[in-house]
PDB file of N, CA and C in Angstrom:
ATOM      1  N   MET A   1      -8.048  54.105 -33.080  1.00  0.00           N
ATOM      2  CA  MET A   1      -7.615  53.935 -32.052  1.00  0.00           C
ATOM      3  C   MET A   1      -6.365  54.930 -32.238  1.00  0.00           C
ATOM      4  N   GLU A   2      -6.327  55.781 -31.145  1.00  0.00           N
ATOM      5  CA  GLU A   2      -5.344  56.980 -30.803  1.00  0.00           C
ATOM      6  C   GLU A   2      -3.740  56.717 -31.257  1.00  0.00           C
ATOM      7  N   GLY A   3      -3.071  57.798 -32.029  1.00  0.00           N
ATOM      8  CA  GLY A   3      -2.119  57.693 -32.572  1.00  0.00           C
ATOM      9  C   GLY A   3      -1.581  57.687 -33.986  1.00  0.00           C
ATOM     10  N   ARG A   4      -3.228  56.813 -34.938  1.00  0.00           N
ATOM     11  CA  ARG A   4      -3.160  56.066 -35.545  1.00  0.00           C
ATOM     12  C   ARG A   4      -2.974  56.625 -36.478  1.00  0.00           C
ATOM     13  N   PHE A   5      -2.209  56.893 -37.685  1.00  0.00           N
ATOM     14  CA  PHE A   5      -2.260  57.630 -38.849  1.00  0.00           C
ATOM     15  C   PHE A   5      -1.830  56.478 -40.006  1.00  0.00           C
ATOM     16  N   THR A   6      -2.698  57.168 -41.914  1.00  0.00           N
ATOM     17  CA  THR A   6      -1.462  56.017 -42.676  1.00  0.00           C
ATOM     18  C   THR A   6      -0.982  57.043 -43.426  1.00  0.00           C
ATOM     19  N   LEU A   7       0.273  56.065 -44.587  1.00  0.00           N
ATOM     20  CA  LEU A   7       1.568  56.374 -44.527  1.00  0.00           C
ATOM     21  C   LEU A   7       0.550  56.373 -46.237  1.00  0.00           C
ATOM     22  N   SER A   8       0.848  56.657 -47.309  1.00  0.00           N
ATOM     23  CA  SER A   8       0.880  56.081 -48.923  1.00  0.00           C
ATOM     24  C   SER A   8       2.023  57.267 -49.386  1.00  0.00           C
ATOM     25  N   PHE A   9       2.093  56.885 -51.064  1.00  0.00           N
ATOM     26  CA  PHE A   9       3.334  57.431 -51.256  1.00  0.00           C
ATOM     27  C   PHE A   9       2.524  58.014 -51.530  1.00  0.00           C
ATOM     28  N   HIS A  10       3.872  59.773 -51.175  1.00  0.00           N
ATOM     29  CA  HIS A  10       3.934  61.051 -51.526  1.00  0.00           C
ATOM     30  C   HIS A  10       2.975  61.408 -50.770  1.00  0.00           C
ATOM     31  N   ALA A  11       2.316  61.046 -49.666  1.00  0.00           N
ATOM     32  CA  ALA A  11       1.105  61.743 -49.132  1.00  0.00           C
ATOM     33  C   ALA A  11       1.122  61.409 -47.008  1.00  0.00           C
ATOM     34  N   VAL A  12       1.123  61.194 -46.166  1.00  0.00           N
ATOM     35  CA  VAL A  12       0.466  61.237 -44.811  1.00  0.00           C
ATOM     36  C   VAL A  12      -1.034  61.869 -45.047  1.00  0.00           C
ATOM     37  N   ALA A  13      -1.148  60.967 -43.923  1.00  0.00           N
ATOM     38  CA  ALA A  13      -2.300  61.774 -43.722  1.00  0.00           C
ATOM     39  C   ALA A  13      -3.081  61.030 -42.371  1.00  0.00           C
ATOM     40  N   ASP A  14      -3.139  61.433 -41.241  1.00  0.00           N
ATOM     41  CA  ASP A  14      -4.322  61.614 -40.311  1.00  0.00           C
ATOM     42  C   ASP A  14      -5.847  60.876 -40.441  1.00  0.00           C
ATOM     43  N   ASP A  15      -5.937  59.647 -40.076  1.00  0.00           N
ATOM     44  CA  ASP A  15      -7.756  59.801 -40.034  1.00  0.00           C
ATOM     45  C   ASP A  15      -8.946  59.540 -39.712  1.00  0.00           C
ATOM     46  N   GLU A  16      -7.736  60.182 -37.977  1.00  0.00           N
ATOM     47  CA  GLU A  16      -8.233  60.138 -36.123  1.00  0.00           C
ATOM     48  C   GLU A  16      -9.444  61.401 -36.141  1.00  0.00           C
ATOM     49  N   VAL A  17     -10.711  61.580 -35.694  1.00  0.00           N
ATOM     50  CA  VAL A  17     -10.932  63.055 -34.818  1.00  0.00           C
ATOM     51  C   VAL A  17      -9.878  62.557 -33.914  1.00  0.00           C
ATOM     52  N   TYR A  18      -9.256  64.217 -32.540  1.00  0.00           N
ATOM     53  CA  TYR A  18      -8.948  64.492 -32.168  1.00  0.00           C
ATOM     54  C   TYR A  18      -9.789  65.529 -31.015  1.00  0.00           C
ATOM     55  N   ASP A  19     -10.077  64.647 -29.561  1.00  0.00           N
ATOM     56  CA  ASP A  19     -11.041  66.190 -28.972  1.00  0.00           C
ATOM     57  C   ASP A  19     -11.544  67.693 -29.628  1.00  0.00           C
ATOM     58  N   GLY A  20     -11.767  66.734 -31.312  1.00  0.00           N
ATOM     59  CA  GLY A  20     -13.312  67.484 -31.402  1.00  0.00           C
ATOM     60  C   GLY A  20     -12.949  68.038 -33.220  1.00  0.00           C
ATOM     61  N   LEU A  21     -11.710  67.519 -33.108  1.00  0.00           N
ATOM     62  CA  LEU A  21     -10.436  68.655 -34.142  1.00  0.00           C
ATOM     63  C   LEU A  21      -9.709  67.424 -35.060  1.00  0.00           C
ATOM     64  N   LYS A  22     -10.693  67.992 -36.239  1.00  0.00           N
ATOM     65  CA  LYS A  22     -10.320  66.676 -37.319  1.00  0.00           C
ATOM     66  C   LYS A  22      -8.817  67.386 -38.080  1.00  0.00           C
ATOM     67  N   VAL A  23      -8.086  67.317 -37.884  1.00  0.00           N
ATOM     68  CA  VAL A  23      -6.981  67.900 -39.041  1.00  0.00           C
ATOM     69  C   VAL A  23      -6.288  67.100 -39.642  1.00  0.00           C
ATOM     70  N   ARG A  24      -5.587  67.493 -40.327  1.00  0.00           N
ATOM     71  CA  ARG A  24      -4.885  66.309 -41.408  1.00  0.00           C
ATOM     72  C   ARG A  24      -3.718  67.285 -41.547  1.00  0.00           C
ATOM     73  N   VAL A  25      -2.521  66.231 -42.337  1.00  0.00           N
ATOM     74  CA  VAL A  25      -1.110  66.298 -42.691  1.00  0.00           C
ATOM     75  C   VAL A  25      -1.179  65.749 -44.193  1.00  0.00           C
ATOM     76  N   PHE A  26      -0.429  66.772 -44.812  1.00  0.00           N
ATOM     77  CA  PHE A  26      -0.587  65.783 -46.388  1.00  0.00           C
ATOM     78  C   PHE A  26       1.449  66.976 -46.920  1.00  0.00           C
ATOM     79  N   THR A  27       1.936  65.271 -46.831  1.00  0.00           N
ATOM     80  CA  THR A  27       3.057  65.448 -47.855  1.00  0.00           C
ATOM     81  C   THR A  27       2.982  66.830 -49.067  1.00  0.00           C
ATOM     82  N   LEU A  28       3.433  66.818 -50.496  1.00  0.00           N
ATOM     83  CA  LEU A  28       3.020  66.564 -51.379  1.00  0.00           C
ATOM     84  C   LEU A  28       4.222  66.569 -52.475  1.00  0.00           C
ATOM     85  N   GLY A  29       5.644  65.854 -51.167  1.00  0.00           N
ATOM     86  CA  GLY A  29       6.240  65.816 -52.422  1.00  0.00           C
ATOM     87  C   GLY A  29       7.355  67.470 -52.431  1.00  0.00           C
ATOM     88  N   ARG A  30       9.118  66.581 -52.523  1.00  0.00           N
ATOM     89  CA  ARG A  30       9.497  68.122 -52.009  1.00  0.00           C
ATOM     90  C   ARG A  30       9.998  69.186 -51.316  1.00  0.00           C
ATOM     91  N   GLY A  31       9.326  68.612 -50.013  1.00  0.00           N
ATOM     92  CA  GLY A  31       9.305  69.262 -48.835  1.00  0.00           C
ATOM     93  C   GLY A  31       7.839  69.630 -48.403  1.00  0.00           C
ATOM     94  N   GLN A  32       7.115  70.528 -49.346  1.00  0.00           N
ATOM     95  CA  GLN A  32       6.262  70.424 -49.053  1.00  0.00           C
ATOM     96  C   GLN A  32       5.166  69.927 -48.830  1.00  0.00           C
ATOM     97  N   ILE A  33       5.069  70.649 -47.886  1.00  0.00           N
ATOM     98  CA  ILE A  33       2.931  70.119 -46.250  1.00  0.00           C
ATOM     99  C   ILE A  33       2.456  71.438 -46.751  1.00  0.00           C
ATOM    100  N   VAL A  34       1.047  70.829 -46.096  1.00  0.00           N
ATOM    101  CA  VAL A  34       0.291  70.937 -45.815  1.00  0.00           C
ATOM    102  C   VAL A  34      -0.555  70.603 -45.124  1.00  0.00           C
ATOM    103  N   VAL A  35      -0.835  71.144 -44.055  1.00  0.00           N
ATOM    104  CA  VAL A  35      -1.814  70.936 -43.221  1.00  0.00           C
ATOM    105  C   VAL A  35      -3.352  71.309 -42.832  1.00  0.00           C
ATOM    106  N   THR A  36      -4.192  70.525 -42.582  1.00  0.00           N
ATOM    107  CA  THR A  36      -5.366  70.461 -43.702  1.00  0.00           C
ATOM    108  C   THR A  36      -6.467  70.838 -41.506  1.00  0.00           C
ATOM    109  N   GLY A  37      -8.045  71.517 -41.547  1.00  0.00           N
ATOM    110  CA  GLY A  37      -9.246  71.275 -40.862  1.00  0.00           C
ATOM    111  C   GLY A  37      -8.657  72.172 -39.970  1.00  0.00           C
ATOM    112  N   LEU A  38      -7.967  73.613 -40.609  1.00  0.00           N
ATOM    113  CA  LEU A  38      -7.382  73.724 -39.815  1.00  0.00           C
ATOM    114  C   LEU A  38      -8.478  75.303 -39.475  1.00  0.00           C
ATOM    115  N   GLN A  39      -9.003  76.426 -38.314  1.00  0.00           N
ATOM    116  CA  GLN A  39      -9.569  77.259 -37.974  1.00  0.00           C
ATOM    117  C   GLN A  39      -8.452  78.557 -38.339  1.00  0.00           C
ATOM    118  N   GLU A  40      -9.169  79.545 -38.308  1.00  0.00           N
ATOM    119  CA  GLU A  40      -7.877  81.664 -37.964  1.00  0.00           C
ATOM    120  C   GLU A  40      -7.809  80.820 -36.593  1.00  0.00           C
ATOM    121  N   GLY A  41      -6.313  81.183 -36.890  1.00  0.00           N
ATOM    122  CA  GLY A  41      -6.169  81.177 -34.591  1.00  0.00           C
ATOM    123  C   GLY A  41      -5.403  80.479 -34.182  1.00  0.00           C
ATOM    124  N   ASP A  42      -4.900  78.844 -34.779  1.00  0.00           N
ATOM    125  CA  ASP A  42      -4.684  77.702 -34.581  1.00  0.00           C
ATOM    126  C   ASP A  42      -3.383  77.889 -34.885  1.00  0.00           C
ATOM    127  N   VAL A  43      -2.925  77.075 -33.916  1.00  0.00           N
ATOM    128  CA  VAL A  43      -0.823  77.352 -33.515  1.00  0.00           C
ATOM    129  C   VAL A  43      -0.487  75.609 -33.571  1.00  0.00           C
ATOM    130  N   VAL A  44       0.181  75.993 -34.545  1.00  0.00           N
ATOM    131  CA  VAL A  44       0.115  74.878 -34.856  1.00  0.00           C
ATOM    132  C   VAL A  44       2.042  74.424 -35.218  1.00  0.00           C
ATOM    133  N   ARG A  45       2.043  73.550 -35.138  1.00  0.00           N
ATOM    134  CA  ARG A  45       3.980  73.361 -34.400  1.00  0.00           C
ATOM    135  C   ARG A  45       4.436  72.676 -35.442  1.00  0.00           C
ATOM    136  N   VAL A  46       5.861  72.093 -35.710  1.00  0.00           N
ATOM    137  CA  VAL A  46       6.334  71.316 -36.123  1.00  0.00           C
ATOM    138  C   VAL A  46       7.310  70.967 -35.447  1.00  0.00           C
ATOM    139  N   PHE A  47       8.296  69.365 -34.684  1.00  0.00           N
ATOM    140  CA  PHE A  47       8.751  69.262 -34.291  1.00  0.00           C
ATOM    141  C   PHE A  47       9.668  68.387 -34.956  1.00  0.00           C
ATOM    142  N   THR A  48      10.517  67.777 -34.746  1.00  0.00           N
ATOM    143  CA  THR A  48      11.907  67.117 -35.467  1.00  0.00           C
ATOM    144  C   THR A  48      11.524  65.386 -34.699  1.00  0.00           C
ATOM    145  N   SER A  49      12.215  64.920 -34.314  1.00  0.00           N
ATOM    146  CA  SER A  49      11.940  63.295 -34.382  1.00  0.00           C
ATOM    147  C   SER A  49      12.826  63.523 -33.290  1.00  0.00           C
ATOM    148  N   ALA A  50      14.087  64.619 -32.635  1.00  0.00           N
ATOM    149  CA  ALA A  50      14.151  64.841 -31.276  1.00  0.00           C
ATOM    150  C   ALA A  50      13.763  65.659 -30.348  1.00  0.00           C
ATOM    151  N   GLY A  51      12.095  66.091 -30.843  1.00  0.00           N
ATOM    152  CA  GLY A  51      11.882  67.451 -29.798  1.00  0.00           C
ATOM    153  C   GLY A  51      12.158  68.559 -30.533  1.00  0.00           C
ATOM    154  N   VAL A  52      12.681  68.580 -30.983  1.00  0.00           N
ATOM    155  CA  VAL A  52      13.486  70.360 -31.064  1.00  0.00           C
ATOM    156  C   VAL A  52      11.828  71.623 -32.584  1.00  0.00           C
ATOM    157  N   GLN A  53      11.542  71.873 -32.084  1.00  0.00           N
ATOM    158  CA  GLN A  53      10.515  72.587 -32.853  1.00  0.00           C
ATOM    159  C   GLN A  53      11.152  73.183 -33.589  1.00  0.00           C
ATOM    160  N   GLN A  54      10.717  72.803 -35.077  1.00  0.00           N
ATOM    161  CA  GLN A  54      11.061  72.853 -36.524  1.00  0.00           C
ATOM    162  C   GLN A  54      10.911  74.243 -36.799  1.00  0.00           C
ATOM    163  N   ASP A  55       9.697  74.082 -37.020  1.00  0.00           N
ATOM    164  CA  ASP A  55       8.786  75.734 -37.565  1.00  0.00           C
ATOM    165  C   ASP A  55       7.434  75.508 -36.651  1.00  0.00           C
ATOM    166  N   GLY A  56       6.356  77.055 -37.548  1.00  0.00           N
ATOM    167  CA  GLY A  56       4.832  76.870 -36.705  1.00  0.00           C
ATOM    168  C   GLY A  56       4.532  78.281 -37.205  1.00  0.00           C
ATOM    169  N   GLY A  57       3.865  78.600 -36.607  1.00  0.00           N
ATOM    170  CA  GLY A  57       3.063  79.855 -36.566  1.00  0.00           C
ATOM    171  C   GLY A  57       1.518  79.579 -36.698  1.00  0.00           C
ATOM    172  N   ILE A  58       0.691  80.751 -36.939  1.00  0.00           N
ATOM    173  CA  ILE A  58      -0.569  80.189 -36.621  1.00  0.00           C
ATOM    174  C   ILE A  58      -1.605  80.870 -38.161  1.00  0.00           C
ATOM    175  N   SER A  59      -2.325  79.925 -37.317  1.00  0.00           N
ATOM    176  CA  SER A  59      -3.209  79.414 -39.281  1.00  0.00           C
ATOM    177  C   SER A  59      -4.126  80.845 -39.155  1.00  0.00           C
ATOM    178  N   SER A  60      -4.328  81.590 -40.415  1.00  0.00           N
ATOM    179  CA  SER A  60      -4.705  82.156 -40.508  1.00  0.00           C
ATOM    180  C   SER A  60      -5.945  82.252 -41.395  1.00  0.00           C
ATOM    181  N   GLY A  61      -5.982  80.917 -41.837  1.00  0.00           N
ATOM    182  CA  GLY A  61      -7.533  80.388 -42.536  1.00  0.00           C
ATOM    183  C   GLY A  61      -7.453  78.416 -42.367  1.00  0.00           C
ATOM    184  N   ALA A  62      -8.352  77.603 -42.837  1.00  0.00           N
ATOM    185  CA  ALA A  62      -8.259  76.429 -43.579  1.00  0.00           C
ATOM    186  C   ALA A  62      -6.741  75.370 -43.615  1.00  0.00           C
ATOM    187  N   LEU A  63      -5.696  76.301 -44.292  1.00  0.00           N
ATOM    188  CA  LEU A  63      -4.975  75.580 -44.784  1.00  0.00           C
ATOM    189  C   LEU A  63      -3.159  76.537 -43.503  1.00  0.00           C
ATOM    190  N   PHE A  64      -1.862  75.493 -43.621  1.00  0.00           N
ATOM    191  CA  PHE A  64      -1.340  76.422 -43.149  1.00  0.00           C
ATOM    192  C   PHE A  64       0.044  75.352 -44.455  1.00  0.00           C
ATOM    193  N   ARG A  65       0.980  76.048 -44.840  1.00  0.00           N
ATOM    194  CA  ARG A  65       1.588  74.919 -46.015  1.00  0.00           C
ATOM    195  C   ARG A  65       2.376  75.896 -45.153  1.00  0.00           C
ATOM    196  N   LEU A  66       3.992  74.345 -45.510  1.00  0.00           N
ATOM    197  CA  LEU A  66       5.421  74.457 -45.038  1.00  0.00           C
ATOM    198  C   LEU A  66       5.997  74.291 -45.914  1.00  0.00           C
ATOM    199  N   GLN A  67       7.362  74.365 -45.346  1.00  0.00           N
ATOM    200  CA  GLN A  67       8.843  73.354 -46.695  1.00  0.00           C
ATOM    201  C   GLN A  67       9.772  73.408 -45.766  1.00  0.00           C
ATOM    202  N   LEU A  68       9.381  71.797 -45.465  1.00  0.00           N
ATOM    203  CA  LEU A  68      10.926  71.176 -45.026  1.00  0.00           C
ATOM    204  C   LEU A  68      12.193  70.246 -44.994  1.00  0.00           C
ATOM    205  N   PRO A  69      13.206  70.050 -44.723  1.00  0.00           N
ATOM    206  CA  PRO A  69      13.787  68.967 -45.541  1.00  0.00           C
ATOM    207  C   PRO A  69      14.110  67.981 -44.555  1.00  0.00           C
ATOM    208  N   ARG A  70      14.103  66.817 -45.128  1.00  0.00           N
ATOM    209  CA  ARG A  70      13.567  65.053 -45.323  1.00  0.00           C
ATOM    210  C   ARG A  70      13.996  64.997 -43.535  1.00  0.00           C
ATOM    211  N   GLY A  71      12.875  64.040 -43.578  1.00  0.00           N
ATOM    212  CA  GLY A  71      12.658  63.598 -41.839  1.00  0.00           C
ATOM    213  C   GLY A  71      11.736  63.349 -41.452  1.00  0.00           C
ATOM    214  N   LEU A  72      11.349  63.285 -39.762  1.00  0.00           N
ATOM    215  CA  LEU A  72      10.349  62.072 -39.500  1.00  0.00           C
ATOM    216  C   LEU A  72       9.953  63.637 -37.790  1.00  0.00           C
ATOM    217  N   TYR A  73       8.449  64.042 -38.811  1.00  0.00           N
ATOM    218  CA  TYR A  73       8.091  64.998 -37.212  1.00  0.00           C
ATOM    219  C   TYR A  73       7.062  64.454 -36.728  1.00  0.00           C
ATOM    220  N   VAL A  74       6.544  65.909 -35.964  1.00  0.00           N
ATOM    221  CA  VAL A  74       5.496  65.385 -34.837  1.00  0.00           C
ATOM    222  C   VAL A  74       4.744  66.754 -34.985  1.00  0.00           C
ATOM    223  N   PHE A  75       3.550  67.005 -36.011  1.00  0.00           N
ATOM    224  CA  PHE A  75       3.290  68.857 -36.382  1.00  0.00           C
ATOM    225  C   PHE A  75       1.501  68.879 -34.728  1.00  0.00           C
ATOM    226  N   GLN A  76       2.229  69.785 -34.673  1.00  0.00           N
ATOM    227  CA  GLN A  76       1.600  69.682 -33.869  1.00  0.00           C
ATOM    228  C   GLN A  76       0.455  71.242 -33.202  1.00  0.00           C
ATOM    229  N   VAL A  77      -1.521  70.765 -33.285  1.00  0.00           N
ATOM    230  CA  VAL A  77      -2.144  72.005 -34.091  1.00  0.00           C
ATOM    231  C   VAL A  77      -2.839  72.383 -32.456  1.00  0.00           C
ATOM    232  N   VAL A  78      -3.428  73.311 -31.706  1.00  0.00           N
ATOM    233  CA  VAL A  78      -3.353  73.526 -30.453  1.00  0.00           C
ATOM    234  C   VAL A  78      -4.862  74.873 -30.793  1.00  0.00           C
ATOM    235  N   ARG A  79      -6.137  74.173 -30.921  1.00  0.00           N
ATOM    236  CA  ARG A  79      -6.903  75.602 -30.945  1.00  0.00           C
ATOM    237  C   ARG A  79      -8.072  75.414 -29.384  1.00  0.00           C
ATOM    238  N   ASP A  80      -7.818  76.511 -28.155  1.00  0.00           N
ATOM    239  CA  ASP A  80      -8.886  76.345 -27.567  1.00  0.00           C
ATOM    240  C   ASP A  80      -7.969  75.664 -26.529  1.00  0.00           C
ATOM    241  N   ALA A  81      -8.420  74.864 -25.649  1.00  0.00           N
ATOM    242  CA  ALA A  81      -8.325  73.865 -24.610  1.00  0.00           C
ATOM    243  C   ALA A  81      -7.988  72.577 -25.280  1.00  0.00           C
ATOM    244  N   SER A  82      -7.629  72.666 -26.892  1.00  0.00           N
ATOM    245  CA  SER A  82      -7.627  70.882 -27.856  1.00  0.00           C
ATOM    246  C   SER A  82      -6.262  70.698 -28.127  1.00  0.00           C
ATOM    247  N   THR A  83      -5.473  70.280 -28.520  1.00  0.00           N
ATOM    248  CA  THR A  83      -4.008  69.473 -28.596  1.00  0.00           C
ATOM    249  C   THR A  83      -4.236  68.780 -29.613  1.00  0.00           C
ATOM    250  N   VAL A  84      -3.579  68.281 -31.115  1.00  0.00           N
ATOM    251  CA  VAL A  84      -3.945  67.074 -31.393  1.00  0.00           C
ATOM    252  C   VAL A  84      -3.008  67.225 -32.039  1.00  0.00           C
ATOM    253  N   SER A  85      -1.776  65.928 -32.088  1.00  0.00           N
ATOM    254  CA  SER A  85      -0.388  65.736 -32.641  1.00  0.00           C
ATOM    255  C   SER A  85      -0.401  64.460 -33.287  1.00  0.00           C
ATOM    256  N   LEU A  86       0.273  64.979 -34.195  1.00  0.00           N
ATOM    257  CA  LEU A  86      -0.213  64.196 -35.964  1.00  0.00           C
ATOM    258  C   LEU A  86       1.865  64.028 -36.615  1.00  0.00           C
ATOM    259  N   LYS A  87       1.959  62.261 -36.640  1.00  0.00           N
ATOM    260  CA  LYS A  87       3.847  62.272 -37.422  1.00  0.00           C
ATOM    261  C   LYS A  87       2.539  62.556 -39.108  1.00  0.00           C
ATOM    262  N   ALA A  88       4.121  62.559 -39.391  1.00  0.00           N
ATOM    263  CA  ALA A  88       4.180  63.062 -40.800  1.00  0.00           C
ATOM    264  C   ALA A  88       5.973  62.447 -41.455  1.00  0.00           C
ATOM    265  N   VAL A  89       5.573  61.866 -42.595  1.00  0.00           N
ATOM    266  CA  VAL A  89       7.207  61.412 -42.777  1.00  0.00           C
ATOM    267  C   VAL A  89       7.317  62.722 -43.803  1.00  0.00           C
ATOM    268  N   VAL A  90       8.809  63.215 -43.729  1.00  0.00           N
ATOM    269  CA  VAL A  90       8.770  64.210 -45.394  1.00  0.00           C
ATOM    270  C   VAL A  90       9.202  63.385 -46.006  1.00  0.00           C
ATOM    271  N   GLU A  91       9.440  63.667 -47.978  1.00  0.00           N
ATOM    272  CA  GLU A  91      10.166  62.503 -48.093  1.00  0.00           C
ATOM    273  C   GLU A  91      11.963  63.778 -49.115  1.00  0.00           C
TER     274      GLU A  91
END
């Protein structure tokens, strides 16, 4: 089911594969976020619920770590011509 995600205490993880990408977003508490399933060179962008880009960068490996204030975010991962967007709540 497209756009589906799973919420659990201290973790948010997408459970689907989109465009061949198996990317997940986990919250570790206190604003710590880890995006997994990446490859070197993947572009990661983080948007607020208002659509403003908050953070981002280029992955240097399988994980991308960042620190964010509390809120609802959309994480976008771009690899070649494929794009995946995931939602996460940061507490």
